[in-house]
Amino acid sequence: MADAAGSGIRERKKVRTREALVEAATELCLRDGFDNTTVEQIAAAADVSTRTFSRYFPNKGAVIAAIADEMDVHIATALSAQPADITEYEALLGAHLAVFAPDTGRLTPGFQRMAALIAIVNGSHSAKASAFAHKQGISQNAAMTVMGRRMGVAFDHPATRLISDTWTMLFATSFGGLGLPGNDPIEPKVVCARLCATFELFRRSWSPWSGAEHGPEHGPEHGQPHASAPG
């Protein structure tokens, strides 16, 4: 009994330490920029040693990618509620719109994590490369586990990996430049409208392009459609 109690305390401490590192990295990178933030600064802000930092994350890029991992839990819950008669990509779009909740007038916890990630990544080329590389290396996360169940395959099936990687690219295309001078602000309606616009371009690319009515000639920053769940 004593061993079990001690193990539970240690696990809770590990969770708190990891959360403290992620929060410290988020605040420092938002304030000073990813490139100007060091592992030593993150560890100090979280009141741990750099050696302890290395037990949780291999580098500062992995800490920033952990923001996406936190958001992923919210996405997984919303994804599990999506109808079965739509495509997996439509289900992912619907899940993200549900989590970001553009019409509620408030910033949901999931959107707040996403907004921080967008701001950090858009402020640094190295942060973008680091976060994307980490994303490509993730073998399992909550949303892809739900996706696997939805599709009736394992989370690491080639099809779920392809969907995950493709969705990551849609994200990168949708949110480039947001929050930077001269660009749109990072707000729920803007983020959802951009994501919907990129998704429409992606959907249209699966039919012959020549001669079709394609709407906006440019990327998601032009002529964003109203952010609504796929029907």
Protein backbone atom coordinates (compact mmCIF):
# COMPACT_ATOMS: atom_id res chain seq x y z
CA MET A 1 0.00 0.00 0.00
CA ALA A 2 2.80 2.40 0.90
CA ASP A 3 4.62 1.60 -2.35
CA ALA A 4 1.47 2.29 -4.37
CA ALA A 5 0.93 5.63 -2.60
CA GLY A 6 4.55 6.62 -3.16
CA SER A 7 4.31 5.71 -6.83
CA GLY A 8 1.19 7.83 -7.22
CA ILE A 9 2.88 10.83 -5.63
CA ARG A 10 5.90 10.47 -7.90
CA GLU A 11 3.71 10.26 -11.01
CA ARG A 12 1.76 13.36 -10.02
CA LYS A 13 5.03 15.20 -9.43
CA LYS A 14 6.24 14.21 -12.89
CA VAL A 15 3.03 15.51 -14.43
CA ARG A 16 3.35 18.82 -12.57
CA THR A 17 6.99 19.20 -13.60
CA ARG A 18 6.18 18.55 -17.24
CA GLU A 19 3.31 21.04 -17.14
CA ALA A 20 5.58 23.63 -15.50
CA LEU A 21 8.18 23.21 -18.23
CA VAL A 22 5.59 23.59 -20.99
CA GLU A 23 4.09 26.68 -19.36
CA ALA A 24 7.51 28.24 -18.79
CA ALA A 25 8.57 27.59 -22.38
CA THR A 26 5.29 29.00 -23.70
CA GLU A 27 5.56 32.23 -21.70
CA LEU A 28 9.23 32.76 -22.53
CA CYS A 29 8.83 32.07 -26.24
CA LEU A 30 5.78 34.33 -26.51
CA ARG A 31 7.65 37.10 -24.71
CA ASP A 32 11.17 36.78 -26.10
CA GLY A 33 10.77 34.60 -29.18
CA PHE A 34 11.69 30.97 -29.71
CA ASP A 35 15.17 31.74 -31.05
CA ASN A 36 16.02 33.91 -28.03
CA THR A 37 14.84 31.37 -25.47
CA THR A 38 17.24 28.77 -24.09
CA VAL A 39 16.81 25.46 -22.33
CA GLU A 40 18.57 26.98 -19.33
CA GLN A 41 16.01 29.78 -19.16
CA ILE A 42 13.09 27.38 -19.44
CA ALA A 43 14.49 25.14 -16.69
CA ALA A 44 15.13 28.11 -14.41
CA ALA A 45 11.64 29.50 -14.95
CA ALA A 46 10.19 26.10 -14.04
CA ASP A 47 12.50 25.91 -11.02
CA VAL A 48 14.26 22.73 -12.16
CA SER A 49 17.76 21.87 -13.36
CA THR A 50 18.70 21.43 -17.02
CA ARG A 51 19.34 17.78 -16.21
CA THR A 52 15.75 17.44 -15.06
CA PHE A 53 14.62 19.23 -18.23
CA SER A 54 16.41 16.61 -20.34
CA ARG A 55 14.48 13.83 -18.62
CA TYR A 56 11.27 15.24 -20.06
CA PHE A 57 12.28 16.79 -23.37
CA PRO A 58 15.26 16.31 -25.72
CA ASN A 59 15.30 20.00 -26.72
CA LYS A 60 13.27 23.19 -26.54
CA GLY A 61 11.49 22.40 -29.80
CA ALA A 62 9.98 19.32 -28.23
CA VAL A 63 8.58 21.46 -25.40
CA ILE A 64 6.82 23.70 -27.90
CA ALA A 65 5.48 20.68 -29.78
CA ALA A 66 4.04 19.52 -26.45
CA ILE A 67 1.59 22.42 -26.72
CA ALA A 68 0.08 20.62 -29.69
CA ASP A 69 -0.03 17.42 -27.65
CA GLU A 70 -2.13 19.20 -25.02
CA MET A 71 -4.50 20.55 -27.66
CA ASP A 72 -4.70 17.06 -29.15
CA VAL A 73 -6.61 15.80 -26.12
CA HIS A 74 -9.39 18.32 -26.81
CA ILE A 75 -9.40 17.39 -30.51
CA ALA A 76 -9.66 13.68 -29.71
CA THR A 77 -12.76 14.24 -27.58
CA ALA A 78 -14.45 16.27 -30.31
CA LEU A 79 -13.36 13.80 -33.00
CA SER A 80 -15.03 10.93 -31.18
CA ALA A 81 -18.34 12.82 -31.44
CA GLN A 82 -18.17 13.34 -35.22
CA PRO A 83 -20.68 11.44 -37.41
CA ALA A 84 -19.53 8.25 -39.13
CA ASP A 85 -20.93 9.13 -42.56
CA ILE A 86 -18.37 11.83 -43.38
CA THR A 87 -14.77 11.48 -44.48
CA GLU A 88 -11.95 11.35 -41.95
CA TYR A 89 -10.72 14.76 -43.10
CA GLU A 90 -14.19 16.24 -42.69
CA ALA A 91 -14.31 14.71 -39.22
CA LEU A 92 -11.00 16.36 -38.32
CA LEU A 93 -12.24 19.70 -39.62
CA GLY A 94 -15.46 19.38 -37.63
CA ALA A 95 -13.52 18.45 -34.50
CA HIS A 96 -11.23 21.46 -34.77
CA LEU A 97 -14.13 23.84 -35.38
CA ALA A 98 -15.89 22.41 -32.34
CA VAL A 99 -12.79 22.89 -30.16
CA PHE A 100 -12.01 26.40 -31.43
CA ALA A 101 -15.70 27.40 -31.11
CA PRO A 102 -15.60 30.58 -33.25
CA ASP A 103 -19.20 31.60 -32.51
CA THR A 104 -19.16 31.40 -28.72
CA GLY A 105 -17.40 34.69 -28.11
CA ARG A 106 -14.88 33.12 -25.73
CA LEU A 107 -11.44 31.57 -25.98
CA THR A 108 -11.65 27.87 -25.25
CA PRO A 109 -8.70 26.08 -23.58
CA GLY A 110 -8.04 24.24 -26.83
CA PHE A 111 -7.97 27.45 -28.83
CA GLN A 112 -5.68 29.16 -26.32
CA ARG A 113 -3.11 26.38 -26.73
CA MET A 114 -3.43 26.57 -30.50
CA ALA A 115 -3.08 30.36 -30.50
CA ALA A 116 0.13 30.14 -28.47
CA LEU A 117 1.55 27.53 -30.83
CA ILE A 118 0.70 29.60 -33.91
CA ALA A 119 2.28 32.74 -32.43
CA ILE A 120 5.50 30.94 -31.46
CA VAL A 121 5.87 29.03 -34.72
CA ASN A 122 5.08 32.01 -36.96
CA GLY A 123 7.66 34.09 -35.12
CA SER A 124 10.55 31.75 -35.94
CA HIS A 125 11.59 29.62 -38.92
CA SER A 126 13.54 27.31 -36.62
CA ALA A 127 10.50 26.85 -34.37
CA LYS A 128 8.40 25.87 -37.38
CA ALA A 129 10.97 23.33 -38.54
CA SER A 130 11.44 21.94 -35.05
CA ALA A 131 7.74 21.57 -34.28
CA PHE A 132 7.06 19.97 -37.67
CA ALA A 133 9.92 17.50 -37.27
CA HIS A 134 8.64 16.54 -33.82
CA LYS A 135 5.12 16.13 -35.19
CA GLN A 136 6.38 13.81 -37.91
CA GLY A 137 8.07 11.66 -35.28
CA ILE A 138 5.03 11.17 -33.05
CA SER A 139 4.02 7.50 -33.08
CA GLN A 140 0.76 7.87 -31.21
CA ASN A 141 -1.46 10.63 -29.91
CA ALA A 142 -5.00 10.87 -28.63
CA ALA A 143 -6.61 12.08 -31.87
CA MET A 144 -4.96 9.44 -34.03
CA THR A 145 -5.95 6.75 -31.56
CA VAL A 146 -9.57 7.90 -31.94
CA MET A 147 -9.07 8.09 -35.72
CA GLY A 148 -7.83 4.51 -35.76
CA ARG A 149 -10.91 3.35 -33.86
CA ARG A 150 -13.11 5.34 -36.22
CA MET A 151 -11.49 3.65 -39.23
CA GLY A 152 -11.26 0.21 -37.65
CA VAL A 153 -7.46 0.08 -37.87
CA ALA A 154 -4.50 0.49 -35.52
CA PHE A 155 -3.36 4.01 -34.62
CA ASP A 156 -0.09 3.42 -36.49
CA HIS A 157 -1.72 2.07 -39.65
CA PRO A 158 -0.28 3.73 -42.79
CA ALA A 159 -3.66 5.29 -43.51
CA THR A 160 -3.89 7.05 -40.15
CA ARG A 161 -0.28 8.23 -40.46
CA LEU A 162 -1.04 9.62 -43.91
CA ILE A 163 -4.10 11.44 -42.62
CA SER A 164 -2.11 12.87 -39.70
CA ASP A 165 0.75 14.07 -41.89
CA THR A 166 -1.62 15.56 -44.47
CA TRP A 167 -3.57 17.39 -41.76
CA THR A 168 -0.31 18.79 -40.38
CA MET A 169 0.43 20.29 -43.81
CA LEU A 170 -3.09 21.74 -44.01
CA PHE A 171 -2.44 23.38 -40.64
CA ALA A 172 0.86 24.86 -41.79
CA THR A 173 -0.78 26.24 -44.93
CA SER A 174 -3.76 27.67 -43.05
CA PHE A 175 -1.99 29.60 -40.34
CA GLY A 176 1.16 30.93 -41.98
CA GLY A 177 1.74 34.58 -41.06
CA LEU A 178 -1.11 34.87 -38.57
CA GLY A 179 -0.37 37.30 -35.77
CA LEU A 180 2.56 38.93 -37.56
CA PRO A 181 2.56 42.64 -38.53
CA GLY A 182 0.34 43.25 -41.54
CA ASN A 183 -1.46 39.92 -41.15
CA ASP A 184 -4.72 38.82 -39.58
CA PRO A 185 -4.89 38.44 -35.78
CA ILE A 186 -4.96 35.04 -34.12
CA GLU A 187 -8.66 34.92 -33.26
CA PRO A 188 -11.13 32.00 -33.34
CA LYS A 189 -13.13 33.27 -36.32
CA VAL A 190 -9.99 34.04 -38.32
CA VAL A 191 -8.34 30.72 -37.53
CA CYS A 192 -11.47 28.74 -38.38
CA ALA A 193 -12.11 30.70 -41.58
CA ARG A 194 -8.56 30.07 -42.74
CA LEU A 195 -8.77 26.40 -41.93
CA CYS A 196 -12.06 26.11 -43.83
CA ALA A 197 -10.59 27.92 -46.84
CA THR A 198 -7.57 25.64 -46.96
CA PHE A 199 -9.80 22.60 -46.56
CA GLU A 200 -11.93 23.72 -49.52
CA LEU A 201 -8.83 24.04 -51.71
CA PHE A 202 -7.73 20.60 -50.57
CA ARG A 203 -11.16 19.11 -51.34
CA ARG A 204 -11.30 20.70 -54.79
CA SER A 205 -7.88 19.32 -55.67
CA TRP A 206 -9.43 15.83 -55.80
CA SER A 207 -11.40 16.68 -58.95
CA PRO A 208 -10.13 18.00 -62.30
CA TRP A 209 -9.07 21.60 -61.77
CA SER A 210 -9.29 22.94 -65.33
CA GLY A 211 -12.64 24.49 -66.15
CA ALA A 212 -14.06 24.09 -62.66
CA GLU A 213 -15.39 26.91 -60.51
CA HIS A 214 -12.68 27.33 -57.91
CA GLY A 215 -13.59 30.52 -56.11
CA PRO A 216 -10.57 32.32 -54.60
CA GLU A 217 -7.45 32.20 -56.73
CA HIS A 218 -5.15 32.50 -53.76
CA GLY A 219 -4.52 30.82 -50.44
CA PRO A 220 -6.52 30.87 -47.24
CA GLU A 221 -5.69 34.50 -46.50
CA HIS A 222 -7.99 35.60 -49.34
CA GLY A 223 -11.76 35.31 -49.36
CA GLN A 224 -12.16 33.10 -46.33
CA PRO A 225 -15.50 31.30 -46.18
CA HIS A 226 -17.61 31.36 -43.07
CA ALA A 227 -16.21 28.91 -40.54
CA SER A 228 -18.79 26.17 -40.24
CA ALA A 229 -18.68 22.45 -39.66
CA PRO A 230 -18.70 20.23 -42.76
CA GLY A 231 -22.12 19.19 -43.82
